[in-house]
Amino acid sequence: MRLFGKGKSEYYEELLQFLEENYEEPQICYSSAIPDSYERSEASAAELEDDELLSVPRPLEKKAKAICGPRPSANMPVVGSAPAPYSAAGMSEIERALQEADESFTEMLLRKIDEAGMKDSECYKRANIDRRFFSKIRSDKYYRPRKNVVLAFAVALKLSMEETEELLRKAGYAFSRSYKSDVIVEFFLRKGIYDIWKINDALLAFDQQTLGS
C-alpha cells in the first residue's frame, strides 16, 4: 500500500479506521474430505496436501451416464432445437411487462443530471468519463456499465448513499463489504466528499481500480 499522492491524505487515518471496522476479508472454504464420486485434477493432486483448498470437483467418467438426466420425451424440448413460438397472448403479456419495468440505469442517470441542473458535459467530466463513452450510454436505454463507472457518476452527481445504492441497483450492482474499493467509496460518500480525484488517489493507495472510464 502506498500513501496518498506525495504524502498522507488528511483522511488517511480515518479511512484506515473505517476499513478496519467495515471491510470483510473474503472467506475461502477449506476441506480435507473428498467425495468418492469425484477426483482431483492432476494439478491439484500435485499442489495440494491434506486439509487444503479443494479444486473444483470433476465427475468420474464412469459417473457420466448418471448425470446426463432422463431421455427426452416427445413433450420435452431437444437441446439445440428452435424454441416454440409464443402465442399472440403470450407476446402481449411480455410486452406489457417490459412497459411496466422500472426505469433503467440510463434513464435514472439522465433524470439525475436534469434534476441537478447540470449539462451533460459537466457531469461526464466530473465523472472522469470521456464524451464518446457518455454518448454511448446516453443512446442506449438498457446500457449496463461497469461498476466503477456507475460509482463515478454517483460522485459526479453528488448522490447520497441511498441514491447511489439505487443507481447501482439499476445497473445490477450493490455495495459489498467484501470489496475494499466499495468500502473506500462508501467512506467518501458518507463524509460528503465528492472530489473524484481524491477518491481515486485513495483507491490507488490501496491498489484498487479507480472510478471513471
Protein backbone atom coordinates (compact mmCIF):
# COMPACT_ATOMS: atom_id res chain seq x y z
CA MET A 1 0.00 0.00 0.00
CA ARG A 2 1.34 3.43 -0.89
CA LEU A 3 0.47 6.75 0.72
CA PHE A 4 -1.96 9.18 -0.90
CA GLY A 5 -0.19 11.27 -3.50
CA LYS A 6 3.08 12.70 -2.17
CA GLY A 7 2.12 12.12 1.47
CA LYS A 8 -0.62 11.06 3.80
CA SER A 9 -4.05 12.42 3.00
CA GLU A 10 -5.98 14.37 5.62
CA TYR A 11 -8.41 11.43 5.54
CA TYR A 12 -5.76 8.71 5.70
CA GLU A 13 -6.11 7.74 9.37
CA GLU A 14 -9.91 7.99 9.24
CA LEU A 15 -10.04 5.81 6.14
CA LEU A 16 -7.80 3.19 7.72
CA GLN A 17 -10.11 3.09 10.73
CA PHE A 18 -13.20 2.88 8.51
CA LEU A 19 -11.67 -0.02 6.55
CA GLU A 20 -10.74 -1.81 9.75
CA GLU A 21 -14.31 -1.53 11.02
CA ASN A 22 -16.17 -2.25 7.77
CA TYR A 23 -14.04 -4.28 5.35
CA GLU A 24 -14.74 -8.01 5.50
CA GLU A 25 -11.97 -10.20 4.14
CA PRO A 26 -13.45 -12.75 1.68
CA GLN A 27 -13.53 -16.21 3.25
CA ILE A 28 -12.23 -19.33 1.48
CA CYS A 29 -13.74 -22.68 2.42
CA TYR A 30 -11.30 -25.49 3.17
CA SER A 31 -11.96 -29.18 3.45
CA SER A 32 -9.98 -32.38 3.81
CA ALA A 33 -12.78 -34.70 2.69
CA ILE A 34 -13.13 -35.66 -0.97
CA PRO A 35 -16.32 -37.45 -2.05
CA ASP A 36 -15.79 -40.89 -3.65
CA SER A 37 -17.67 -39.75 -6.74
CA TYR A 38 -15.11 -37.05 -7.53
CA GLU A 39 -11.44 -36.97 -8.35
CA ARG A 40 -8.82 -34.25 -8.15
CA SER A 41 -7.28 -32.78 -11.26
CA GLU A 42 -3.62 -33.63 -11.88
CA ALA A 43 -2.63 -30.08 -10.96
CA SER A 44 -4.46 -30.08 -7.63
CA ALA A 45 -3.14 -33.53 -6.72
CA ALA A 46 0.41 -32.31 -7.23
CA GLU A 47 -0.03 -28.99 -5.44
CA LEU A 48 -2.35 -29.78 -2.54
CA GLU A 49 -1.92 -31.86 0.58
CA ASP A 50 -4.27 -32.95 3.35
CA ASP A 51 -6.53 -30.20 4.70
CA GLU A 52 -6.03 -27.80 1.80
CA LEU A 53 -8.26 -25.92 -0.66
CA LEU A 54 -10.06 -28.36 -2.94
CA SER A 55 -10.08 -27.95 -6.70
CA VAL A 56 -13.42 -27.81 -8.48
CA PRO A 57 -14.64 -31.43 -8.47
CA ARG A 58 -14.80 -33.25 -11.76
CA PRO A 59 -17.20 -36.19 -12.29
CA LEU A 60 -15.58 -39.56 -12.98
CA GLU A 61 -16.05 -40.99 -16.44
CA LYS A 62 -17.99 -43.93 -15.02
CA LYS A 63 -20.47 -41.49 -13.43
CA ALA A 64 -21.14 -39.63 -16.70
CA LYS A 65 -24.28 -41.56 -17.56
CA ALA A 66 -25.75 -40.91 -14.13
CA ILE A 67 -25.67 -37.14 -14.57
CA CYS A 68 -26.98 -37.00 -18.13
CA GLY A 69 -30.59 -36.90 -16.99
CA PRO A 70 -33.64 -38.70 -18.36
CA ARG A 71 -34.14 -39.49 -22.01
CA PRO A 72 -36.12 -36.66 -23.65
CA SER A 73 -39.76 -37.45 -24.22
CA ALA A 74 -41.89 -36.26 -27.11
CA ASN A 75 -43.10 -33.36 -24.95
CA MET A 76 -39.63 -32.23 -23.89
CA PRO A 77 -37.69 -29.70 -25.98
CA VAL A 78 -34.49 -31.07 -27.50
CA VAL A 79 -31.34 -29.13 -26.62
CA GLY A 80 -30.32 -27.02 -29.58
CA SER A 81 -33.74 -27.10 -31.21
CA ALA A 82 -35.60 -23.92 -32.09
CA PRO A 83 -37.90 -22.69 -29.28
CA ALA A 84 -41.60 -22.94 -29.81
CA PRO A 85 -43.10 -19.63 -31.00
CA TYR A 86 -45.02 -17.57 -28.43
CA SER A 87 -48.71 -17.07 -28.92
CA ALA A 88 -50.04 -13.57 -29.55
CA ALA A 89 -51.42 -13.52 -26.00
CA GLY A 90 -48.05 -14.57 -24.57
CA MET A 91 -46.20 -11.89 -26.52
CA SER A 92 -48.63 -9.19 -25.37
CA GLU A 93 -48.03 -10.18 -21.74
CA ILE A 94 -44.26 -9.93 -22.23
CA GLU A 95 -44.59 -6.55 -23.93
CA ARG A 96 -46.82 -5.30 -21.11
CA ALA A 97 -44.31 -6.47 -18.50
CA LEU A 98 -41.50 -4.68 -20.32
CA GLN A 99 -43.52 -1.49 -20.48
CA GLU A 100 -44.13 -1.67 -16.73
CA ALA A 101 -40.47 -2.33 -15.94
CA ASP A 102 -38.65 0.05 -13.62
CA GLU A 103 -36.57 2.86 -15.11
CA SER A 104 -33.19 1.75 -16.41
CA PHE A 105 -29.76 2.93 -15.33
CA THR A 106 -29.55 5.29 -18.31
CA GLU A 107 -32.97 6.78 -17.56
CA MET A 108 -32.14 7.38 -13.91
CA LEU A 109 -28.75 8.86 -14.82
CA LEU A 110 -30.27 11.35 -17.27
CA ARG A 111 -33.01 12.21 -14.80
CA LYS A 112 -30.48 12.92 -12.06
CA ILE A 113 -28.44 15.11 -14.42
CA ASP A 114 -31.56 17.16 -15.20
CA GLU A 115 -32.53 17.39 -11.52
CA ALA A 116 -29.04 18.63 -10.67
CA GLY A 117 -29.32 21.32 -13.34
CA MET A 118 -26.11 20.07 -14.96
CA LYS A 119 -25.05 19.99 -18.54
CA ASP A 120 -24.12 16.54 -19.84
CA SER A 121 -20.54 17.70 -20.42
CA GLU A 122 -20.24 18.94 -16.84
CA CYS A 123 -21.42 15.60 -15.50
CA TYR A 124 -19.22 13.30 -17.56
CA LYS A 125 -16.13 15.45 -16.98
CA ARG A 126 -16.71 15.37 -13.23
CA ALA A 127 -17.14 11.59 -13.52
CA ASN A 128 -13.83 11.15 -15.36
CA ILE A 129 -15.74 9.82 -18.38
CA ASP A 130 -14.94 10.77 -21.97
CA ARG A 131 -17.56 12.23 -24.31
CA ARG A 132 -17.78 9.26 -26.69
CA PHE A 133 -18.36 6.82 -23.86
CA PHE A 134 -21.07 9.05 -22.37
CA SER A 135 -22.76 9.30 -25.80
CA LYS A 136 -22.79 5.51 -25.97
CA ILE A 137 -24.54 5.31 -22.60
CA ARG A 138 -26.99 8.08 -23.45
CA SER A 139 -28.03 6.47 -26.74
CA ASP A 140 -28.73 3.05 -25.20
CA LYS A 141 -31.63 2.89 -22.77
CA TYR A 142 -30.52 -0.51 -21.49
CA TYR A 143 -26.77 0.08 -21.37
CA ARG A 144 -25.09 -1.68 -18.42
CA PRO A 145 -21.80 0.00 -17.48
CA ARG A 146 -19.07 -1.31 -15.22
CA LYS A 147 -19.49 -0.77 -11.50
CA ASN A 148 -16.68 1.79 -11.27
CA VAL A 149 -18.44 3.85 -13.96
CA VAL A 150 -21.73 3.82 -12.02
CA LEU A 151 -19.92 4.99 -8.89
CA ALA A 152 -18.13 7.69 -10.89
CA PHE A 153 -21.47 9.15 -11.94
CA ALA A 154 -22.74 8.94 -8.36
CA VAL A 155 -19.76 11.02 -7.25
CA ALA A 156 -20.17 13.49 -10.13
CA LEU A 157 -23.85 13.99 -9.26
CA LYS A 158 -23.12 14.18 -5.51
CA LEU A 159 -25.65 11.48 -4.75
CA SER A 160 -26.43 10.37 -1.21
CA MET A 161 -25.66 6.81 -0.12
CA GLU A 162 -29.30 5.84 -0.67
CA GLU A 163 -29.36 7.36 -4.16
CA THR A 164 -26.03 5.72 -5.00
CA GLU A 165 -27.35 2.33 -3.90
CA GLU A 166 -30.40 2.86 -6.11
CA LEU A 167 -28.24 3.82 -9.10
CA LEU A 168 -26.12 0.71 -8.54
CA ARG A 169 -29.26 -1.47 -8.47
CA LYS A 170 -30.38 -0.02 -11.81
CA ALA A 171 -27.16 -1.38 -13.31
CA GLY A 172 -27.39 -4.70 -11.46
CA TYR A 173 -24.84 -3.99 -8.70
CA ALA A 174 -24.74 -3.41 -4.96
CA PHE A 175 -22.22 -2.26 -2.38
CA SER A 176 -20.27 -5.12 -0.81
CA ARG A 177 -18.19 -5.06 2.35
CA SER A 178 -16.06 -7.80 0.77
CA TYR A 179 -14.72 -5.34 -1.84
CA LYS A 180 -12.22 -2.88 -0.44
CA SER A 181 -12.93 -0.43 -3.28
CA ASP A 182 -16.62 -0.31 -2.31
CA VAL A 183 -15.77 0.42 1.32
CA ILE A 184 -13.40 3.21 0.29
CA VAL A 185 -16.01 4.86 -1.95
CA GLU A 186 -18.62 4.49 0.78
CA PHE A 187 -16.27 6.25 3.21
CA PHE A 188 -16.06 9.34 0.99
CA LEU A 189 -19.77 9.39 0.18
CA ARG A 190 -20.72 9.24 3.85
CA LYS A 191 -18.38 12.15 4.54
CA GLY A 192 -19.89 14.15 1.67
CA ILE A 193 -16.58 14.31 -0.22
CA TYR A 194 -17.29 14.24 -3.96
CA ASP A 195 -13.85 15.04 -5.35
CA ILE A 196 -13.25 12.12 -7.72
CA TRP A 197 -9.51 12.76 -7.81
CA LYS A 198 -9.22 12.46 -4.03
CA ILE A 199 -11.26 9.27 -4.14
CA ASN A 200 -9.16 7.84 -6.97
CA ASP A 201 -5.98 8.74 -5.10
CA ALA A 202 -7.25 6.78 -2.11
CA LEU A 203 -8.22 3.83 -4.32
CA LEU A 204 -4.76 3.80 -5.90
CA ALA A 205 -3.18 3.91 -2.46
CA PHE A 206 -4.87 0.60 -1.70
CA ASP A 207 -4.22 -0.85 -5.18
CA GLN A 208 -7.88 -0.66 -6.21
CA GLN A 209 -9.46 0.19 -9.57
CA THR A 210 -10.18 3.90 -9.94
CA LEU A 211 -13.52 5.47 -10.82
CA GLY A 212 -14.32 6.53 -14.38
CA SER A 213 -13.58 5.17 -17.82
